Structure formats: structure tokens, C-alpha cells
Amino acid sequence: MQKTSPHQLRAQFRALLAGHQCHSAASVFDPMAARIAADLGFEVGILGGSVASLQVLAAPDFALITLSEFVEQATRIGRVSRLPVIVDADHGYGNALNVMRTVVELERAGVAALTIEDTLLPTQFEGKSTDLISIDEGVGKIRAAVEARIDPDLAIIARTNAGVLSTEQVIQRIQAYEAAGADGICMVGIEDFEHLEPIAASVSLPLMLVTYGNPKLRDPERLAGLRVRVVVNGHAAYFAAIKATYDCLREQRGVDASELSASELALKYSLPEAYKAWADAFMKVRE
């Protein structure tokens, strides 16, 4: 069986970042998915934080998964992976010192790259899921991540939310993260090319976009010209697995139930309404 070392995979990912093409990331949520993605010729995979929460906890993406649980899943994937894997390390599981621990553990797991975002996680008392930490705190996290890695080829990617900031604010943040030593910039919330172009022109780093299949950004050549090297269109493979499991077990059991989509099944079995009720009960001021 062909084996590829973590260092080789990181070198492959660095070459991808330095190249001139835009690549679609495969959603790799377990070892089998990683092997399938490599066999099908994907250049890069991603372990999403929301997917890890569903896969490990059957819980919604409320920052409930712990670092050790996430690292365990990344390690399982890293043992067999023959393609570089980016992991969504959320907020680094705490402050800048927690980020250092996160980098150490994920580097040992064999990942090629990790994203650290500036969202305020977990959501604070009376807070919103789109609240961001200050630029200074975000810079501190990126500097800490760079300091903590041992293999210089491990890529540290700073992530921010372009959907809740003005273009000027996005540019201010990503320029600060570039100066802090980030190897790339990941953005969620880019609306279209008119939104992307001035932001891309403001930094020299390779870019990664989380588009969730946004039809206004489906032009790989144009994206590549704006230094977008990785696009995450979502995690359809994982949701297809949920759907296939449900349909197979329903048929085996002979249950005559209404047809549910993959997203509806994920919502049904991850119990988001229960978590929202607990958040409302314990994280908001009561009259």
C-alpha cells in the first residue's frame, strides 16, 4: 500500500498554494473518505469543524467538540491519507495559548494545514454566532500558531468572515494576519467577484474560500487569477452518507416514513432545537 509522510503531504500543499490553479477541496470526514478522495484524484481534502461535530458527537456546530475529540478524528484520517488535508480548527479551542496547544496536537496528527478563525467562540452570554474577536487578539492567535509549529511546511491559514464586515474592515484584518505570519487567508461570506476583487488585491497571500456552492463564484479560472487556490463548496459527501445510512436502515426495518433530504436528516438527528432551547435558557438574560 502506498504511503505518504505528513512532511511530503505538507510539501504538496505548499506547492498547491504556490501554484496557479484553483482546487475544489474534498470533504474528508473519516479515513475511508480520505482514501476515496485520493483515489479519485482530489488534490486536497478538508475536515470541517461542523462535520466533525456531527460525525463525532451527532451535535450541531455550536463549538461543542473538544480539542482532543477533534484531534482524534484528524489522527484517524492522517494515518491513511494520501492527499493533503486541511483541518478547520475553529477558534483554536480558546485563547492564543490554547491555539499553540492546538497546533502542536494537529501537527502530530499529520495534517497539512489548519485554519484559525477570528469568530468569538463559543458564543458568549447574550452574544451572536457572528461576533468577532478584536484584530489584536486575532493577530496574537496567528503569531502563536506560527510560533508553535515545528515543521515549517505546516500551513497556518487565518480565517475571517467577510459576510459580517465591510470590505475595508476585511482588508484591515487580512493585512494584519498577513503581517503576523499567516501562510494563507480563508474567507467565508464572499458574495461575488465584485466583492472578492478589491479584497484579493489588498494582500499577496494565497486565498481559500468557503462558498457553500455559491453560483456567483463558480469560475475556477477567474478565481485562480485572483490567487484563490482552494474552494470549499460544502460537505455534500458527508450529508450523502447520512442520507444513505437512513435510507438503508429504514428499508431494512421496513419503516414507511416520509422522504427526508440529507440536510433535514442532519437537523433531525443532531437535535439543534434542544441546543437552542438550552442556549435560550442559560445564555440570555431572563426577565
C-alpha atoms as a PDB file:
ATOM      1  CA  MET A   1       0.000   0.000   0.000  1.00  0.00           C
ATOM      2  CA  GLN A   2       1.367   3.378  -0.971  1.00  0.00           C
ATOM      3  CA  LYS A   3       2.229   5.600   1.989  1.00  0.00           C
ATOM      4  CA  THR A   4       2.910   9.317   2.050  1.00  0.00           C
ATOM      5  CA  SER A   5       4.547  11.032   5.006  1.00  0.00           C
ATOM      6  CA  PRO A   6       2.999  14.100   6.629  1.00  0.00           C
ATOM      7  CA  HIS A   7       6.001  16.144   5.541  1.00  0.00           C
ATOM      8  CA  GLN A   8       5.510  15.065   1.918  1.00  0.00           C
ATOM      9  CA  LEU A   9       1.823  15.974   2.094  1.00  0.00           C
ATOM     10  CA  ARG A  10       2.658  19.383   3.530  1.00  0.00           C
ATOM     11  CA  ALA A  11       5.154  19.953   0.738  1.00  0.00           C
ATOM     12  CA  GLN A  12       2.418  19.031  -1.764  1.00  0.00           C
ATOM     13  CA  PHE A  13       0.067  21.533  -0.173  1.00  0.00           C
ATOM     14  CA  ARG A  14       2.736  24.246  -0.216  1.00  0.00           C
ATOM     15  CA  ALA A  15       3.222  23.578  -3.917  1.00  0.00           C
ATOM     16  CA  LEU A  16      -0.540  23.886  -4.402  1.00  0.00           C
ATOM     17  CA  LEU A  17      -0.535  27.262  -2.637  1.00  0.00           C
ATOM     18  CA  ALA A  18       2.377  28.423  -4.780  1.00  0.00           C
ATOM     19  CA  GLY A  19       0.721  27.242  -7.996  1.00  0.00           C
ATOM     20  CA  HIS A  20      -1.670  28.945 -10.361  1.00  0.00           C
ATOM     21  CA  GLN A  21      -4.784  26.777 -10.166  1.00  0.00           C
ATOM     22  CA  CYS A  22      -7.929  26.792  -8.050  1.00  0.00           C
ATOM     23  CA  HIS A  23      -8.744  23.433  -6.480  1.00  0.00           C
ATOM     24  CA  SER A  24     -12.026  22.136  -5.057  1.00  0.00           C
ATOM     25  CA  ALA A  25     -11.496  20.504  -1.650  1.00  0.00           C
ATOM     26  CA  ALA A  26     -12.980  17.087  -0.945  1.00  0.00           C
ATOM     27  CA  SER A  27     -14.874  16.721   2.325  1.00  0.00           C
ATOM     28  CA  VAL A  28     -12.926  14.004   4.189  1.00  0.00           C
ATOM     29  CA  PHE A  29     -14.700  13.182   7.423  1.00  0.00           C
ATOM     30  CA  ASP A  30     -13.173   9.762   8.158  1.00  0.00           C
ATOM     31  CA  PRO A  31     -10.342   7.514   6.891  1.00  0.00           C
ATOM     32  CA  MET A  32     -12.474   5.867   4.198  1.00  0.00           C
ATOM     33  CA  ALA A  33     -13.496   9.240   2.772  1.00  0.00           C
ATOM     34  CA  ALA A  34      -9.837  10.301   2.685  1.00  0.00           C
ATOM     35  CA  ARG A  35      -8.851   7.174   0.756  1.00  0.00           C
ATOM     36  CA  ILE A  36     -11.720   7.626  -1.696  1.00  0.00           C
ATOM     37  CA  ALA A  37     -10.843  11.287  -2.309  1.00  0.00           C
ATOM     38  CA  ALA A  38      -7.195  10.453  -3.002  1.00  0.00           C
ATOM     39  CA  ASP A  39      -8.149   7.594  -5.331  1.00  0.00           C
ATOM     40  CA  LEU A  40     -10.451   9.909  -7.292  1.00  0.00           C
ATOM     41  CA  GLY A  41      -7.618  12.361  -7.837  1.00  0.00           C
ATOM     42  CA  PHE A  42      -8.526  15.206  -5.468  1.00  0.00           C
ATOM     43  CA  GLU A  43      -5.555  17.431  -4.748  1.00  0.00           C
ATOM     44  CA  VAL A  44      -6.676  18.445  -1.256  1.00  0.00           C
ATOM     45  CA  GLY A  45      -9.196  17.454   1.395  1.00  0.00           C
ATOM     46  CA  ILE A  46     -10.794  19.240   4.316  1.00  0.00           C
ATOM     47  CA  LEU A  47     -12.083  18.108   7.690  1.00  0.00           C
ATOM     48  CA  GLY A  48     -14.746  20.665   8.565  1.00  0.00           C
ATOM     49  CA  GLY A  49     -15.475  21.613  12.146  1.00  0.00           C
ATOM     50  CA  SER A  50     -19.222  21.315  11.615  1.00  0.00           C
ATOM     51  CA  VAL A  51     -18.794  17.889  10.023  1.00  0.00           C
ATOM     52  CA  ALA A  52     -16.540  16.703  12.863  1.00  0.00           C
ATOM     53  CA  SER A  53     -19.178  17.810  15.367  1.00  0.00           C
ATOM     54  CA  LEU A  54     -21.829  15.799  13.524  1.00  0.00           C
ATOM     55  CA  GLN A  55     -19.589  12.772  12.964  1.00  0.00           C
ATOM     56  CA  VAL A  56     -18.157  12.586  16.487  1.00  0.00           C
ATOM     57  CA  LEU A  57     -20.973  13.995  18.636  1.00  0.00           C
ATOM     58  CA  ALA A  58     -24.104  13.970  16.453  1.00  0.00           C
ATOM     59  CA  ALA A  59     -24.336  17.590  17.596  1.00  0.00           C
ATOM     60  CA  PRO A  60     -24.790  20.855  15.688  1.00  0.00           C
ATOM     61  CA  ASP A  61     -21.937  23.276  15.030  1.00  0.00           C
ATOM     62  CA  PHE A  62     -22.109  25.067  18.388  1.00  0.00           C
ATOM     63  CA  ALA A  63     -18.397  24.713  19.294  1.00  0.00           C
ATOM     64  CA  LEU A  64     -19.182  21.709  21.496  1.00  0.00           C
ATOM     65  CA  ILE A  65     -16.458  19.381  20.235  1.00  0.00           C
ATOM     66  CA  THR A  66     -13.257  19.425  22.276  1.00  0.00           C
ATOM     67  CA  LEU A  67      -9.700  19.656  21.003  1.00  0.00           C
ATOM     68  CA  SER A  68      -8.934  16.062  21.982  1.00  0.00           C
ATOM     69  CA  GLU A  69     -12.015  14.757  20.169  1.00  0.00           C
ATOM     70  CA  PHE A  70     -11.178  16.754  17.056  1.00  0.00           C
ATOM     71  CA  VAL A  71      -7.528  15.664  17.124  1.00  0.00           C
ATOM     72  CA  GLU A  72      -8.557  12.017  17.434  1.00  0.00           C
ATOM     73  CA  GLN A  73     -10.631  12.283  14.269  1.00  0.00           C
ATOM     74  CA  ALA A  74      -7.856  14.141  12.440  1.00  0.00           C
ATOM     75  CA  THR A  75      -5.381  11.457  13.538  1.00  0.00           C
ATOM     76  CA  ARG A  76      -7.561   8.661  12.163  1.00  0.00           C
ATOM     77  CA  ILE A  77      -7.664  10.444   8.828  1.00  0.00           C
ATOM     78  CA  GLY A  78      -3.963  11.274   8.929  1.00  0.00           C
ATOM     79  CA  ARG A  79      -2.997   7.621   9.380  1.00  0.00           C
ATOM     80  CA  VAL A  80      -4.253   6.690   5.911  1.00  0.00           C
ATOM     81  CA  SER A  81      -4.334   9.937   3.950  1.00  0.00           C
ATOM     82  CA  ARG A  82      -2.526  10.164   0.616  1.00  0.00           C
ATOM     83  CA  LEU A  83      -3.665  13.720  -0.062  1.00  0.00           C
ATOM     84  CA  PRO A  84      -3.012  16.895   1.937  1.00  0.00           C
ATOM     85  CA  VAL A  85      -5.763  17.579   4.453  1.00  0.00           C
ATOM     86  CA  ILE A  86      -6.738  20.994   5.776  1.00  0.00           C
ATOM     87  CA  VAL A  87      -8.497  20.947   9.132  1.00  0.00           C
ATOM     88  CA  ASP A  88     -10.931  23.554  10.375  1.00  0.00           C
ATOM     89  CA  ALA A  89      -9.538  24.261  13.836  1.00  0.00           C
ATOM     90  CA  ASP A  90     -12.275  26.814  14.586  1.00  0.00           C
ATOM     91  CA  HIS A  91     -11.011  29.375  17.131  1.00  0.00           C
ATOM     92  CA  GLY A  92      -8.072  27.210  18.187  1.00  0.00           C
ATOM     93  CA  TYR A  93     -10.138  25.978  21.150  1.00  0.00           C
ATOM     94  CA  GLY A  94      -9.525  29.047  23.285  1.00  0.00           C
ATOM     95  CA  ASN A  95      -7.056  31.904  23.536  1.00  0.00           C
ATOM     96  CA  ALA A  96      -3.637  32.262  21.920  1.00  0.00           C
ATOM     97  CA  LEU A  97      -2.048  29.776  24.321  1.00  0.00           C
ATOM     98  CA  ASN A  98      -4.780  27.251  23.522  1.00  0.00           C
ATOM     99  CA  VAL A  99      -4.027  27.869  19.844  1.00  0.00           C
ATOM    100  CA  MET A 100      -0.419  26.831  20.471  1.00  0.00           C
ATOM    101  CA  ARG A 101      -1.600  23.558  22.001  1.00  0.00           C
ATOM    102  CA  THR A 102      -3.991  23.069  19.076  1.00  0.00           C
ATOM    103  CA  VAL A 103      -1.172  23.467  16.549  1.00  0.00           C
ATOM    104  CA  VAL A 104       1.088  21.042  18.422  1.00  0.00           C
ATOM    105  CA  GLU A 105      -1.577  18.340  18.576  1.00  0.00           C
ATOM    106  CA  LEU A 106      -2.798  18.736  14.990  1.00  0.00           C
ATOM    107  CA  GLU A 107       0.754  18.751  13.639  1.00  0.00           C
ATOM    108  CA  ARG A 108       1.303  15.405  15.350  1.00  0.00           C
ATOM    109  CA  ALA A 109      -1.929  14.188  13.750  1.00  0.00           C
ATOM    110  CA  GLY A 110      -0.337  14.665  10.322  1.00  0.00           C
ATOM    111  CA  VAL A 111      -2.468  17.461   8.872  1.00  0.00           C
ATOM    112  CA  ALA A 112      -1.085  19.608   6.069  1.00  0.00           C
ATOM    113  CA  ALA A 113      -2.771  22.857   7.079  1.00  0.00           C
ATOM    114  CA  LEU A 114      -5.168  24.300   9.602  1.00  0.00           C
ATOM    115  CA  THR A 115      -7.414  27.317   9.703  1.00  0.00           C
ATOM    116  CA  ILE A 116      -7.730  29.552  12.748  1.00  0.00           C
ATOM    117  CA  GLU A 117     -10.715  31.883  12.675  1.00  0.00           C
ATOM    118  CA  ASP A 118     -11.435  35.158  14.419  1.00  0.00           C
ATOM    119  CA  THR A 119     -15.030  34.330  15.336  1.00  0.00           C
ATOM    120  CA  LEU A 120     -15.784  34.725  19.038  1.00  0.00           C
ATOM    121  CA  LEU A 121     -16.292  31.085  20.009  1.00  0.00           C
ATOM    122  CA  PRO A 122     -18.006  29.640  21.892  1.00  0.00           C
ATOM    123  CA  THR A 123     -20.831  32.149  21.578  1.00  0.00           C
ATOM    124  CA  GLN A 124     -20.800  34.395  24.630  1.00  0.00           C
ATOM    125  CA  PHE A 125     -23.630  35.179  27.049  1.00  0.00           C
ATOM    126  CA  GLU A 126     -26.077  37.400  25.142  1.00  0.00           C
ATOM    127  CA  GLY A 127     -23.702  37.110  22.143  1.00  0.00           C
ATOM    128  CA  LYS A 128     -24.224  36.306  18.480  1.00  0.00           C
ATOM    129  CA  SER A 129     -22.683  33.500  16.437  1.00  0.00           C
ATOM    130  CA  THR A 130     -21.224  36.104  14.059  1.00  0.00           C
ATOM    131  CA  ASP A 131     -19.376  38.135  16.721  1.00  0.00           C
ATOM    132  CA  LEU A 132     -15.645  38.505  16.021  1.00  0.00           C
ATOM    133  CA  ILE A 133     -12.698  38.963  18.346  1.00  0.00           C
ATOM    134  CA  SER A 134     -10.563  42.088  18.023  1.00  0.00           C
ATOM    135  CA  ILE A 135      -7.900  42.343  15.346  1.00  0.00           C
ATOM    136  CA  ASP A 136      -5.200  42.416  18.024  1.00  0.00           C
ATOM    137  CA  GLU A 137      -6.458  39.169  19.543  1.00  0.00           C
ATOM    138  CA  GLY A 138      -6.693  37.595  16.099  1.00  0.00           C
ATOM    139  CA  VAL A 139      -3.132  38.657  15.321  1.00  0.00           C
ATOM    140  CA  GLY A 140      -1.975  37.173  18.619  1.00  0.00           C
ATOM    141  CA  LYS A 141      -3.543  33.836  17.719  1.00  0.00           C
ATOM    142  CA  ILE A 142      -1.848  33.710  14.325  1.00  0.00           C
ATOM    143  CA  ARG A 143       1.531  34.667  15.793  1.00  0.00           C
ATOM    144  CA  ALA A 144       1.082  31.994  18.453  1.00  0.00           C
ATOM    145  CA  ALA A 145       0.199  29.380  15.839  1.00  0.00           C
ATOM    146  CA  VAL A 146       3.291  30.184  13.786  1.00  0.00           C
ATOM    147  CA  GLU A 147       5.460  30.016  16.909  1.00  0.00           C
ATOM    148  CA  ALA A 148       4.051  26.633  17.970  1.00  0.00           C
ATOM    149  CA  ARG A 149       4.606  24.655  14.775  1.00  0.00           C
ATOM    150  CA  ILE A 150       7.725  22.548  14.380  1.00  0.00           C
ATOM    151  CA  ASP A 151       7.520  21.683  10.688  1.00  0.00           C
ATOM    152  CA  PRO A 152       7.739  24.995   8.803  1.00  0.00           C
ATOM    153  CA  ASP A 153       5.763  23.430   5.935  1.00  0.00           C
ATOM    154  CA  LEU A 154       2.661  23.113   8.120  1.00  0.00           C
ATOM    155  CA  ALA A 155       0.453  25.888   6.720  1.00  0.00           C
ATOM    156  CA  ILE A 156      -1.289  28.292   9.096  1.00  0.00           C
ATOM    157  CA  ILE A 157      -4.341  29.833   7.422  1.00  0.00           C
ATOM    158  CA  ALA A 158      -6.114  32.792   9.028  1.00  0.00           C
ATOM    159  CA  ARG A 159      -9.874  32.807   8.546  1.00  0.00           C
ATOM    160  CA  THR A 160     -12.332  35.681   8.808  1.00  0.00           C
ATOM    161  CA  ASN A 161     -15.973  36.333   7.963  1.00  0.00           C
ATOM    162  CA  ALA A 162     -16.339  38.709   5.024  1.00  0.00           C
ATOM    163  CA  GLY A 163     -20.111  38.478   5.323  1.00  0.00           C
ATOM    164  CA  VAL A 164     -20.342  40.451   8.565  1.00  0.00           C
ATOM    165  CA  LEU A 165     -17.677  43.093   7.875  1.00  0.00           C
ATOM    166  CA  SER A 166     -17.321  45.931   5.421  1.00  0.00           C
ATOM    167  CA  THR A 167     -14.767  45.467   2.649  1.00  0.00           C
ATOM    168  CA  GLU A 168     -12.473  47.949   4.387  1.00  0.00           C
ATOM    169  CA  GLN A 169     -12.690  46.024   7.645  1.00  0.00           C
ATOM    170  CA  VAL A 170     -11.966  42.719   5.904  1.00  0.00           C
ATOM    171  CA  ILE A 171      -8.902  44.219   4.238  1.00  0.00           C
ATOM    172  CA  GLN A 172      -7.676  45.617   7.555  1.00  0.00           C
ATOM    173  CA  ARG A 173      -7.956  42.210   9.191  1.00  0.00           C
ATOM    174  CA  ILE A 174      -6.360  40.117   6.480  1.00  0.00           C
ATOM    175  CA  GLN A 175      -3.472  42.542   6.057  1.00  0.00           C
ATOM    176  CA  ALA A 176      -2.854  42.291   9.809  1.00  0.00           C
ATOM    177  CA  TYR A 177      -2.940  38.490   9.618  1.00  0.00           C
ATOM    178  CA  GLU A 178      -0.541  38.516   6.670  1.00  0.00           C
ATOM    179  CA  ALA A 179       1.867  40.668   8.672  1.00  0.00           C
ATOM    180  CA  ALA A 180       1.508  38.263  11.621  1.00  0.00           C
ATOM    181  CA  GLY A 181       2.897  35.411   9.509  1.00  0.00           C
ATOM    182  CA  ALA A 182      -0.158  33.607   8.134  1.00  0.00           C
ATOM    183  CA  ASP A 183       0.557  31.407   5.114  1.00  0.00           C
ATOM    184  CA  GLY A 184      -2.865  31.984   3.580  1.00  0.00           C
ATOM    185  CA  ILE A 185      -6.212  33.677   4.127  1.00  0.00           C
ATOM    186  CA  CYS A 186      -9.541  31.847   4.318  1.00  0.00           C
ATOM    187  CA  MET A 187     -12.782  33.775   3.949  1.00  0.00           C
ATOM    188  CA  VAL A 188     -16.420  32.883   4.345  1.00  0.00           C
ATOM    189  CA  GLY A 189     -19.190  35.209   3.195  1.00  0.00           C
ATOM    190  CA  ILE A 190     -17.737  36.443  -0.090  1.00  0.00           C
ATOM    191  CA  GLU A 191     -20.797  37.316  -2.191  1.00  0.00           C
ATOM    192  CA  ASP A 192     -19.459  37.553  -5.746  1.00  0.00           C
ATOM    193  CA  PHE A 193     -16.419  38.554  -7.790  1.00  0.00           C
ATOM    194  CA  GLU A 194     -17.074  42.253  -7.289  1.00  0.00           C
ATOM    195  CA  HIS A 195     -16.872  41.620  -3.553  1.00  0.00           C
ATOM    196  CA  LEU A 196     -13.745  39.480  -3.870  1.00  0.00           C
ATOM    197  CA  GLU A 197     -11.632  41.544  -6.252  1.00  0.00           C
ATOM    198  CA  PRO A 198     -10.695  44.512  -4.026  1.00  0.00           C
ATOM    199  CA  ILE A 199     -10.041  42.181  -1.099  1.00  0.00           C
ATOM    200  CA  ALA A 200      -7.799  39.888  -3.154  1.00  0.00           C
ATOM    201  CA  ALA A 201      -5.864  42.902  -4.433  1.00  0.00           C
ATOM    202  CA  SER A 202      -5.043  44.002  -0.882  1.00  0.00           C
ATOM    203  CA  VAL A 203      -2.840  41.020   0.071  1.00  0.00           C
ATOM    204  CA  SER A 204      -0.231  38.849  -1.596  1.00  0.00           C
ATOM    205  CA  LEU A 205      -1.099  35.589   0.168  1.00  0.00           C
ATOM    206  CA  PRO A 206      -2.919  32.652  -1.459  1.00  0.00           C
ATOM    207  CA  LEU A 207      -6.622  32.597  -0.688  1.00  0.00           C
ATOM    208  CA  MET A 208      -9.128  29.942   0.348  1.00  0.00           C
ATOM    209  CA  LEU A 209     -12.878  30.498   0.033  1.00  0.00           C
ATOM    210  CA  VAL A 210     -15.746  28.739   1.773  1.00  0.00           C
ATOM    211  CA  THR A 211     -18.504  29.300  -0.790  1.00  0.00           C
ATOM    212  CA  TYR A 212     -21.147  26.672   0.077  1.00  0.00           C
ATOM    213  CA  GLY A 213     -21.700  26.284  -3.664  1.00  0.00           C
ATOM    214  CA  ASN A 214     -22.412  29.982  -4.315  1.00  0.00           C
ATOM    215  CA  PRO A 215     -23.257  30.033  -8.063  1.00  0.00           C
ATOM    216  CA  LYS A 216     -21.817  33.560  -8.383  1.00  0.00           C
ATOM    217  CA  LEU A 217     -18.341  32.190  -7.649  1.00  0.00           C
ATOM    218  CA  ARG A 218     -18.315  29.172  -9.979  1.00  0.00           C
ATOM    219  CA  ASP A 219     -15.492  30.227 -12.262  1.00  0.00           C
ATOM    220  CA  PRO A 220     -12.279  28.363 -11.353  1.00  0.00           C
ATOM    221  CA  GLU A 221     -10.147  30.225 -13.886  1.00  0.00           C
ATOM    222  CA  ARG A 222     -11.281  33.623 -12.664  1.00  0.00           C
ATOM    223  CA  LEU A 223     -10.820  32.543  -9.059  1.00  0.00           C
ATOM    224  CA  ALA A 224      -7.326  31.291  -9.852  1.00  0.00           C
ATOM    225  CA  GLY A 225      -6.486  34.673 -11.372  1.00  0.00           C
ATOM    226  CA  LEU A 226      -7.364  36.240  -8.022  1.00  0.00           C
ATOM    227  CA  ARG A 227      -4.988  33.832  -6.216  1.00  0.00           C
ATOM    228  CA  VAL A 228      -7.760  31.619  -4.866  1.00  0.00           C
ATOM    229  CA  ARG A 229      -6.096  28.235  -4.503  1.00  0.00           C
ATOM    230  CA  VAL A 230      -8.735  26.268  -2.545  1.00  0.00           C
ATOM    231  CA  VAL A 231     -12.519  26.402  -2.645  1.00  0.00           C
ATOM    232  CA  VAL A 232     -14.727  24.592  -0.137  1.00  0.00           C
ATOM    233  CA  ASN A 233     -18.131  24.139  -1.746  1.00  0.00           C
ATOM    234  CA  GLY A 234     -19.606  22.451   1.305  1.00  0.00           C
ATOM    235  CA  HIS A 235     -19.735  18.905   2.638  1.00  0.00           C
ATOM    236  CA  ALA A 236     -22.139  17.155   0.314  1.00  0.00           C
ATOM    237  CA  ALA A 237     -20.300  13.826   0.615  1.00  0.00           C
ATOM    238  CA  TYR A 238     -20.912  13.681   4.351  1.00  0.00           C
ATOM    239  CA  PHE A 239     -24.582  14.548   4.036  1.00  0.00           C
ATOM    240  CA  ALA A 240     -24.957  11.953   1.293  1.00  0.00           C
ATOM    241  CA  ALA A 241     -23.564   9.383   3.737  1.00  0.00           C
ATOM    242  CA  ILE A 242     -26.198  10.376   6.302  1.00  0.00           C
ATOM    243  CA  LYS A 243     -28.912  10.029   3.684  1.00  0.00           C
ATOM    244  CA  ALA A 244     -27.672   6.625   2.504  1.00  0.00           C
ATOM    245  CA  THR A 245     -27.489   5.321   6.079  1.00  0.00           C
ATOM    246  CA  TYR A 246     -31.019   6.470   6.852  1.00  0.00           C
ATOM    247  CA  ASP A 247     -32.494   5.023   3.667  1.00  0.00           C
ATOM    248  CA  CYS A 248     -30.691   1.698   4.086  1.00  0.00           C
ATOM    249  CA  LEU A 249     -31.722   1.246   7.721  1.00  0.00           C
ATOM    250  CA  ARG A 250     -35.281   2.429   7.045  1.00  0.00           C
ATOM    251  CA  GLU A 251     -35.621  -0.128   4.262  1.00  0.00           C
ATOM    252  CA  GLN A 252     -34.080  -2.867   6.394  1.00  0.00           C
ATOM    253  CA  ARG A 253     -36.516  -2.102   9.205  1.00  0.00           C
ATOM    254  CA  GLY A 254     -39.477  -1.802   6.855  1.00  0.00           C
ATOM    255  CA  VAL A 255     -40.389   1.637   8.153  1.00  0.00           C
ATOM    256  CA  ASP A 256     -42.775   3.568   5.932  1.00  0.00           C
ATOM    257  CA  ALA A 257     -41.643   7.134   6.640  1.00  0.00           C
ATOM    258  CA  SER A 258     -41.802  10.376   4.719  1.00  0.00           C
ATOM    259  CA  GLU A 259     -38.887  11.138   2.428  1.00  0.00           C
ATOM    260  CA  LEU A 260     -36.338  13.402   4.099  1.00  0.00           C
ATOM    261  CA  SER A 261     -33.433  15.228   2.486  1.00  0.00           C
ATOM    262  CA  ALA A 262     -29.872  14.886   3.783  1.00  0.00           C
ATOM    263  CA  SER A 263     -29.964  18.315   5.396  1.00  0.00           C
ATOM    264  CA  GLU A 264     -33.320  17.569   7.020  1.00  0.00           C
ATOM    265  CA  LEU A 265     -31.912  14.344   8.436  1.00  0.00           C
ATOM    266  CA  ALA A 266     -28.856  16.146   9.837  1.00  0.00           C
ATOM    267  CA  LEU A 267     -31.139  18.649  11.525  1.00  0.00           C
ATOM    268  CA  LYS A 268     -33.444  15.960  12.878  1.00  0.00           C
ATOM    269  CA  TYR A 269     -30.746  13.803  14.428  1.00  0.00           C
ATOM    270  CA  SER A 270     -28.330  16.482  15.695  1.00  0.00           C
ATOM    271  CA  LEU A 271     -31.085  17.952  17.920  1.00  0.00           C
ATOM    272  CA  PRO A 272     -30.449  21.663  17.161  1.00  0.00           C
ATOM    273  CA  GLU A 273     -33.744  22.756  18.709  1.00  0.00           C
ATOM    274  CA  ALA A 274     -32.740  21.246  22.041  1.00  0.00           C
ATOM    275  CA  TYR A 275     -29.404  23.056  21.977  1.00  0.00           C
ATOM    276  CA  LYS A 276     -31.099  26.313  21.002  1.00  0.00           C
ATOM    277  CA  ALA A 277     -33.537  25.909  23.880  1.00  0.00           C
ATOM    278  CA  TRP A 278     -30.668  25.348  26.312  1.00  0.00           C
ATOM    279  CA  ALA A 279     -28.869  28.392  24.943  1.00  0.00           C
ATOM    280  CA  ASP A 280     -32.021  30.443  25.375  1.00  0.00           C
ATOM    281  CA  ALA A 281     -32.472  29.166  28.926  1.00  0.00           C
ATOM    282  CA  PHE A 282     -28.904  29.544  30.131  1.00  0.00           C
ATOM    283  CA  MET A 283     -27.214  32.155  27.904  1.00  0.00           C
ATOM    284  CA  LYS A 284     -29.705  35.005  27.862  1.00  0.00           C
ATOM    285  CA  VAL A 285     -30.924  37.460  30.427  1.00  0.00           C
ATOM    286  CA  ARG A 286     -34.250  36.349  31.849  1.00  0.00           C
ATOM    287  CA  GLU A 287     -36.951  38.925  32.545  1.00  0.00           C
END
